[in-house]
Amino acid sequence: MARERERDDDDDFDDRPSRSSGAMGPLDGMYKNTNIVVLILFGLCCGLIAFVLSLVAYLTGKDPKAKSNAMLVMIIGGILTAIAIAAQIALGAMGAR
């Protein structure tokens, strides 16, 4: 038994399957396992970054729950980014007077 453990410790080859080798995209784990409240706060606080990460997760994701959560965050981030751009344009127009 002890020799078997020593032999496993000296094993340089990664021939055992990893846990993340399932059919998941690169961001599926984050969007699937994170609480929806935290994802909404991420979309509210990080606008453009949340939109881009959610777009990547939606396009590359394979898990349906992760894709729906990514779509929700993408919508929130997109709306807030559009509001921020419109506010900047309005402030710029008011300052030009």
Foldseek 3Di string as FASTA:
>chain_A
DVVVVVVVVPDPDPPDDDPPPDQFFPCLVVQQPDDLVVLLVCLQPVQPVLLVVLVVCLVGGDDPSSNVSSVVSNVSSPVVVVVVVVVVVVVVVVVVD
